[in-house]
Protein backbone atom coordinates (compact mmCIF):
# COMPACT_ATOMS: atom_id res chain seq x y z
CA UNK A 1 32.14 4.75 2.95
CA UNK A 2 33.42 1.90 5.09
CA UNK A 3 30.92 -0.82 6.07
CA UNK A 4 31.10 0.17 9.73
CA UNK A 5 30.29 3.79 8.88
CA UNK A 6 27.44 2.76 6.60
CA UNK A 7 26.05 0.50 9.32
CA UNK A 8 26.07 3.37 11.83
CA UNK A 9 24.44 5.76 9.38
CA UNK A 10 21.69 3.25 8.58
CA UNK A 11 21.16 2.70 12.30
CA UNK A 12 20.56 6.42 12.83
CA UNK A 13 18.03 6.60 9.99
CA UNK A 14 16.29 3.41 11.11
CA UNK A 15 15.98 4.80 14.65
CA UNK A 16 14.39 7.98 13.39
CA UNK A 17 11.99 6.11 11.12
CA UNK A 18 10.97 3.85 13.98
CA UNK A 19 10.41 6.85 16.25
CA UNK A 20 8.26 8.54 13.59
CA UNK A 21 6.35 5.53 12.28
CA UNK A 22 6.45 2.96 15.07
CA UNK A 23 8.50 0.48 13.04
CA UNK A 24 11.34 0.79 10.58
CA UNK A 25 10.91 -1.00 7.26
CA UNK A 26 13.33 -1.58 4.41
CA UNK A 27 11.27 0.64 2.11
CA UNK A 28 10.98 3.62 4.45
CA UNK A 29 14.64 3.56 5.51
CA UNK A 30 15.96 3.22 1.96
CA UNK A 31 13.80 6.10 0.84
CA UNK A 32 15.19 8.46 3.46
CA UNK A 33 18.80 7.36 3.03
CA UNK A 34 18.78 7.83 -0.74
CA UNK A 35 16.81 11.08 -0.61
CA UNK A 36 19.30 12.68 1.77
CA UNK A 37 22.45 10.96 0.47
CA UNK A 38 22.05 10.64 -3.32
CA UNK A 39 25.79 10.09 -3.78
CA UNK A 40 25.45 6.86 -1.80
CA UNK A 41 22.82 5.37 -4.09
CA UNK A 42 25.19 2.90 -5.72
CA UNK A 43 26.57 1.66 -2.41
CA UNK A 44 23.07 1.34 -0.94
CA UNK A 45 21.94 -0.71 -3.92
CA UNK A 46 24.47 -3.39 -3.06
CA UNK A 47 23.95 -3.26 0.71
CA UNK A 48 20.33 -4.38 1.11
CA UNK A 49 21.29 -7.40 3.24
CA UNK A 50 23.26 -5.20 5.64
CA UNK A 51 20.44 -2.65 5.81
CA UNK A 52 17.86 -5.34 6.60
CA UNK A 53 20.10 -6.65 9.37
CA UNK A 54 20.45 -3.21 10.96
CA UNK A 55 16.71 -2.54 10.66
CA UNK A 56 16.03 -5.81 12.46
CA UNK A 57 18.36 -4.78 15.27
CA UNK A 58 16.70 -1.36 15.60
CA UNK A 59 13.18 -2.81 15.63
CA UNK A 60 14.17 -5.12 18.47
CA UNK A 61 15.53 -2.27 20.62
CA UNK A 62 13.71 -0.94 23.66
CA UNK A 63 11.87 2.27 22.82
CA UNK A 64 13.70 4.19 25.55
CA UNK A 65 17.02 3.49 23.86
CA UNK A 66 15.91 5.09 20.59
CA UNK A 67 16.20 8.57 22.09
CA UNK A 68 19.97 8.11 22.15
CA UNK A 69 20.06 8.74 18.39
CA UNK A 70 22.05 11.92 17.88
CA UNK A 71 21.63 12.46 14.16
CA UNK A 72 19.15 15.18 13.30
CA UNK A 73 17.19 13.95 10.31
CA UNK A 74 14.53 15.87 8.42
CA UNK A 75 10.86 15.24 9.13
CA UNK A 76 9.25 13.20 6.36
CA UNK A 77 6.07 13.97 4.46
CA UNK A 78 3.83 12.49 7.15
CA UNK A 79 2.20 15.88 7.70
CA UNK A 80 0.86 15.72 4.13
CA UNK A 81 -1.35 12.82 5.13
CA UNK A 82 -2.74 14.60 8.17
CA UNK A 83 -3.25 17.79 6.17
CA UNK A 84 -5.10 15.95 3.40
CA UNK A 85 -7.44 14.21 5.84
CA UNK A 86 -8.25 17.52 7.57
CA UNK A 87 -8.72 19.36 4.29
CA UNK A 88 -10.95 16.73 2.67
CA UNK A 89 -13.04 16.44 5.83
CA UNK A 90 -13.45 20.19 6.18
CA UNK A 91 -14.37 20.83 2.56
CA UNK A 92 -16.83 17.95 2.30
CA UNK A 93 -18.64 18.75 5.54
CA UNK A 94 -18.69 22.54 5.47
CA UNK A 95 -21.69 22.64 3.14
CA UNK A 96 -24.90 21.82 5.08
CA UNK A 97 -26.54 20.66 1.84
CA UNK A 98 -23.78 18.22 0.92
CA UNK A 99 -23.40 17.10 4.53
CA UNK A 100 -27.02 15.91 4.48
CA UNK A 101 -26.18 13.71 1.47
CA UNK A 102 -23.27 11.99 3.23
CA UNK A 103 -24.20 9.01 5.35
CA UNK A 104 -20.60 8.09 6.10
CA UNK A 105 -17.13 9.55 5.57
CA UNK A 106 -14.17 7.43 6.57
CA UNK A 107 -10.68 6.29 5.71
CA UNK A 108 -9.57 2.68 5.48
CA UNK A 109 -6.52 0.68 4.55
CA UNK A 110 -2.88 1.15 5.56
CA UNK A 111 -3.14 4.80 6.64
CA UNK A 112 -6.23 4.16 8.78
CA UNK A 113 -4.26 1.42 10.54
CA UNK A 114 -1.16 3.66 10.63
CA UNK A 115 0.84 1.02 8.78
CA UNK A 116 1.38 3.24 5.74
CA UNK A 117 4.64 4.11 4.05
CA UNK A 118 5.04 7.86 3.76
CA UNK A 119 5.05 9.02 0.16
CA UNK A 120 4.11 5.60 -1.19
CA UNK A 121 0.87 4.50 0.50
CA UNK A 122 -2.48 5.96 -0.49
CA UNK A 123 -5.05 7.48 1.81
CA UNK A 124 -8.21 5.56 0.98
CA UNK A 125 -11.24 7.79 1.50
CA UNK A 126 -14.67 6.20 1.42
CA UNK A 127 -17.93 8.16 1.12
CA UNK A 128 -21.33 6.50 1.40
CA UNK A 129 -24.22 8.63 0.16
CA UNK A 130 -27.68 8.57 1.73
CA UNK A 131 -30.07 6.38 -0.25
CA UNK A 132 -32.88 8.90 -0.74
CA UNK A 133 -30.76 11.75 -2.08
CA UNK A 134 -29.83 12.88 -5.60
CA UNK A 135 -26.62 10.89 -5.77
CA UNK A 136 -25.51 12.11 -9.20
CA UNK A 137 -25.54 15.73 -8.07
CA UNK A 138 -23.71 14.84 -4.85
CA UNK A 139 -21.08 12.84 -6.74
CA UNK A 140 -20.47 15.77 -9.08
CA UNK A 141 -20.11 18.16 -6.14
CA UNK A 142 -17.70 15.82 -4.33
CA UNK A 143 -15.64 15.34 -7.49
CA UNK A 144 -15.35 19.10 -7.97
CA UNK A 145 -14.23 19.55 -4.35
CA UNK A 146 -11.64 16.81 -4.72
CA UNK A 147 -10.32 18.38 -7.92
CA UNK A 148 -9.91 21.73 -6.16
CA UNK A 149 -8.04 20.53 -3.08
CA UNK A 150 -5.94 17.64 -4.39
CA UNK A 151 -2.87 19.31 -5.87
CA UNK A 152 -0.40 17.45 -8.14
CA UNK A 153 2.01 17.23 -5.17
CA UNK A 154 -0.37 15.06 -3.15
CA UNK A 155 -2.48 13.48 -5.89
CA UNK A 156 -0.36 10.31 -5.77
CA UNK A 157 -1.50 9.52 -2.22
CA UNK A 158 -5.20 10.34 -2.72
CA UNK A 159 -7.77 7.64 -3.41
CA UNK A 160 -11.53 8.17 -3.24
CA UNK A 161 -14.39 5.68 -3.46
CA UNK A 162 -18.02 6.84 -3.49
CA UNK A 163 -20.81 4.34 -2.80
CA UNK A 164 -24.54 4.62 -2.30
CA UNK A 165 -26.11 3.30 0.88
CA UNK A 166 -28.06 0.70 -1.08
CA UNK A 167 -24.87 -0.59 -2.72
CA UNK A 168 -23.42 -2.03 0.47
CA UNK A 169 -25.78 -4.99 0.52
CA UNK A 170 -24.85 -5.82 -3.09
CA UNK A 171 -21.05 -5.82 -3.05
CA UNK A 172 -20.97 -8.68 -5.53
CA UNK A 173 -21.84 -6.13 -8.21
CA UNK A 174 -18.52 -4.37 -7.76
CA UNK A 175 -15.33 -5.21 -9.57
CA UNK A 176 -11.74 -5.01 -8.32
CA UNK A 177 -12.12 -1.35 -7.28
CA UNK A 178 -14.25 -2.26 -4.27
CA UNK A 179 -14.51 -5.91 -3.27
CA UNK A 180 -15.34 -7.75 -0.07
CA UNK A 181 -11.69 -7.23 0.89
CA UNK A 182 -12.12 -3.47 0.69
CA UNK A 183 -15.36 -3.74 2.66
CA UNK A 184 -13.61 -5.89 5.25
CA UNK A 185 -10.94 -3.23 5.72
CA UNK A 186 -13.64 -0.53 5.80
CA UNK A 187 -15.24 -2.43 8.68
CA UNK A 188 -12.06 -1.74 10.65
CA UNK A 189 -11.60 1.74 9.19
CA UNK A 190 -11.41 5.14 10.87
CA UNK A 191 -14.74 6.97 10.94
CA UNK A 192 -14.63 10.73 10.31
CA UNK A 193 -18.34 11.49 10.03
CA UNK A 194 -21.63 9.62 10.24
CA UNK A 195 -21.72 5.91 10.93
CA UNK A 196 -19.67 2.95 9.80
CA UNK A 197 -22.20 1.02 7.72
CA UNK A 198 -19.78 -1.90 7.38
CA UNK A 199 -19.34 -2.48 11.11
CA UNK A 200 -22.19 -5.00 11.41
CA UNK A 201 -21.46 -6.90 8.21
CA UNK A 202 -20.13 -10.43 8.43
CA UNK A 203 -17.65 -11.82 5.92
CA UNK A 204 -16.65 -15.34 4.98
CA UNK A 205 -13.29 -16.72 3.90
CA UNK A 206 -14.89 -17.68 0.60
CA UNK A 207 -15.93 -14.07 -0.10
CA UNK A 208 -12.43 -12.84 0.67
CA UNK A 209 -10.88 -15.50 -1.54
CA UNK A 210 -13.13 -14.64 -4.49
CA UNK A 211 -12.33 -10.95 -3.99
CA UNK A 212 -8.63 -11.77 -3.87
CA UNK A 213 -8.94 -13.50 -7.24
CA UNK A 214 -10.50 -10.32 -8.67
CA UNK A 215 -7.56 -8.24 -7.38
CA UNK A 216 -5.02 -10.70 -8.75
CA UNK A 217 -6.73 -10.90 -12.14
CA UNK A 218 -6.80 -7.09 -12.37
CA UNK A 219 -3.08 -6.86 -11.53
CA UNK A 220 -2.23 -9.49 -14.15
CA UNK A 221 -4.29 -7.57 -16.71
CA UNK A 222 -2.31 -4.43 -15.83
CA UNK A 223 0.96 -6.28 -16.40
CA UNK A 224 -0.27 -7.43 -19.82
CA UNK A 225 -1.03 -3.81 -20.73
CA UNK A 226 2.35 -2.65 -19.41
CA UNK A 227 4.20 -5.23 -21.49
CA UNK A 228 2.19 -4.27 -24.56
CA UNK A 229 2.99 -0.59 -24.04
CA UNK A 230 6.65 -1.37 -23.39
CA UNK A 231 6.92 -3.11 -26.75
CA UNK A 232 5.12 -0.33 -28.59
CA UNK A 233 7.13 2.48 -27.00
CA UNK A 234 10.39 0.57 -26.56
CA UNK A 235 10.58 1.33 -22.82
CA UNK A 236 13.95 0.69 -21.15
CA UNK A 237 14.17 -2.41 -18.97
CA UNK A 238 14.46 -0.53 -15.68
CA UNK A 239 11.26 1.43 -16.40
CA UNK A 240 9.44 -1.77 -17.30
CA UNK A 241 10.61 -3.39 -14.04
CA UNK A 242 9.43 -0.35 -12.09
CA UNK A 243 5.95 -0.49 -13.63
CA UNK A 244 5.60 -4.24 -13.23
CA UNK A 245 6.88 -4.10 -9.64
CA UNK A 246 3.76 -2.29 -8.42
CA UNK A 247 1.52 -4.98 -9.94
CA UNK A 248 3.64 -7.75 -8.45
CA UNK A 249 3.03 -6.20 -5.02
CA UNK A 250 -0.71 -6.14 -5.76
CA UNK A 251 -0.61 -9.83 -6.71
CA UNK A 252 1.31 -10.66 -3.53
CA UNK A 253 -1.28 -8.82 -1.46
CA UNK A 254 -4.12 -10.64 -3.22
CA UNK A 255 -2.42 -13.98 -2.69
CA UNK A 256 -1.95 -13.21 1.00
CA UNK A 257 -5.62 -12.30 1.43
CA UNK A 258 -6.59 -15.47 -0.45
CA UNK A 259 -4.54 -17.58 1.95
CA UNK A 260 -5.50 -15.73 5.15
CA UNK A 261 -9.17 -15.07 4.41
CA UNK A 262 -11.00 -12.91 6.94
CA UNK A 263 -7.93 -12.96 9.20
CA UNK A 264 -6.10 -10.72 6.71
CA UNK A 265 -7.40 -7.64 8.56
CA UNK A 266 -6.48 -8.74 12.07
CA UNK A 267 -3.04 -9.77 10.76
CA UNK A 268 -2.52 -6.25 9.36
CA UNK A 269 -1.91 -7.39 5.82
CA UNK A 270 -1.60 -4.07 4.01
CA UNK A 271 0.12 -2.72 0.95
CA UNK A 272 2.60 -1.61 -0.17
CA UNK A 273 5.13 -2.68 2.46
CA UNK A 274 6.27 -6.25 3.02
CA UNK A 275 5.28 -6.87 6.61
CA UNK A 276 6.24 -9.89 8.66
CA UNK A 277 2.60 -10.96 8.50
CA UNK A 278 2.95 -11.81 4.82
CA UNK A 279 5.86 -14.09 5.63
CA UNK A 280 3.72 -15.72 8.30
CA UNK A 281 0.84 -16.30 5.88
CA UNK A 282 2.98 -17.67 3.08
CA UNK A 283 5.16 -19.79 5.36
CA UNK A 284 8.91 -20.27 5.46
CA UNK A 285 8.83 -23.42 3.38
CA UNK A 286 5.74 -22.95 1.22
CA UNK A 287 5.59 -23.09 -2.56
CA UNK A 288 5.84 -19.29 -2.54
CA UNK A 289 8.68 -18.77 -0.07
CA UNK A 290 11.24 -18.69 -2.87
CA UNK A 291 9.60 -15.50 -4.17
CA UNK A 292 10.34 -13.36 -1.11
CA UNK A 293 13.40 -11.85 -2.87
CA UNK A 294 11.13 -10.97 -5.81
CA UNK A 295 8.92 -8.88 -3.49
CA UNK A 296 11.96 -7.13 -2.04
CA UNK A 297 13.09 -6.26 -5.55
CA UNK A 298 9.60 -5.01 -6.44
CA UNK A 299 9.69 -2.63 -3.48
CA UNK A 300 13.19 -1.51 -4.39
CA UNK A 301 12.03 -0.70 -7.93
CA UNK A 302 9.21 1.42 -6.50
CA UNK A 303 11.94 3.43 -4.80
CA UNK A 304 13.90 3.73 -8.03
CA UNK A 305 16.61 1.35 -6.86
CA UNK A 306 18.08 -1.03 -9.43
CA UNK A 307 19.58 -3.96 -7.55
CA UNK A 308 22.67 -5.63 -9.01
CA UNK A 309 21.05 -9.08 -8.95
CA UNK A 310 17.73 -8.00 -10.50
CA UNK A 311 18.41 -8.90 -14.12
CA UNK A 312 16.00 -11.86 -13.95
CA UNK A 313 13.15 -9.83 -12.45
CA UNK A 314 10.80 -10.22 -15.42
CA UNK A 315 11.35 -13.96 -15.77
CA UNK A 316 10.86 -14.55 -12.05
CA UNK A 317 7.71 -12.40 -12.11
CA UNK A 318 6.23 -14.58 -14.84
CA UNK A 319 7.07 -17.70 -12.84
CA UNK A 320 5.42 -16.18 -9.75
CA UNK A 321 2.28 -15.23 -11.67
CA UNK A 322 1.92 -18.72 -13.12
CA UNK A 323 2.18 -20.28 -9.67
CA UNK A 324 -0.38 -17.83 -8.24
CA UNK A 325 -2.81 -18.62 -11.08
CA UNK A 326 -2.41 -22.33 -10.45
CA UNK A 327 -2.85 -21.95 -6.68
CA UNK A 328 -5.93 -19.70 -6.79
CA UNK A 329 -7.63 -21.46 -9.69
CA UNK A 330 -7.64 -18.43 -11.99
CA UNK A 331 -7.95 -19.01 -15.71
CA UNK A 332 -4.86 -17.97 -17.66
């Protein structure tokens, strides 16, 4: 396909993605293009710069002009998110006995802020159980309900955290699965039932920074395990890059929260997409600005795209991790 034809095709997809999601991103556009045009995968791999340019043009267009798009593109999996929220809410609240045990049911994170990437972002459900109830029985019931309704097709976008009401005042007890950063995002989350017990909590930059270090340390530990497994099972390089890419995105998110502190929520710093806010936090000429291409590659790997210039991905990842450890004060 000629460059002019590719540019026009990308424009049509980017317009549709922006209409559906509010903003077109490299990840979401690439996913749709490759899914519907698998024969173009090779050409798309080598056209990331062009695609980013077109996406930028589409995002700067007036909304009224987007309706001029004539290409009829399939609806994405967005309905799966809405369906899952409705189904989880219905099943958890239909039992009067279980409903009495639930002090709060909400969603938080990228989907709650509608900054998610369809098919890639999780829906983060959060349940807080009433303090004076039999929590173990309630947890077992909730787990059984989740197991029934979360099919393999949607399991990859489902994430559930269960807390007790008394736990909220003692967040320091929690590890990387629920830190002050998670609580900060829960404060701005979408309430489905009950009350938002995080809404009156105050957070400090220091708490966010310490939480960010937990997230970064966990991601680094995951990379160590991935590398160990890769050696034991002799995984191909592209599979290793794919697995490491997800952890690199986690580290980048943790670094961004560490630098932005409490402002990370108001700046809409969310995974897994690379939003302009991350560029703003890191700075155009900071010690980390040279790693922006690494993040783009990490997102491409999550989409199954092997970029021609990605042969040094592992080495650059190690360099990035070392610099993050030095900056945040983590122990190697």
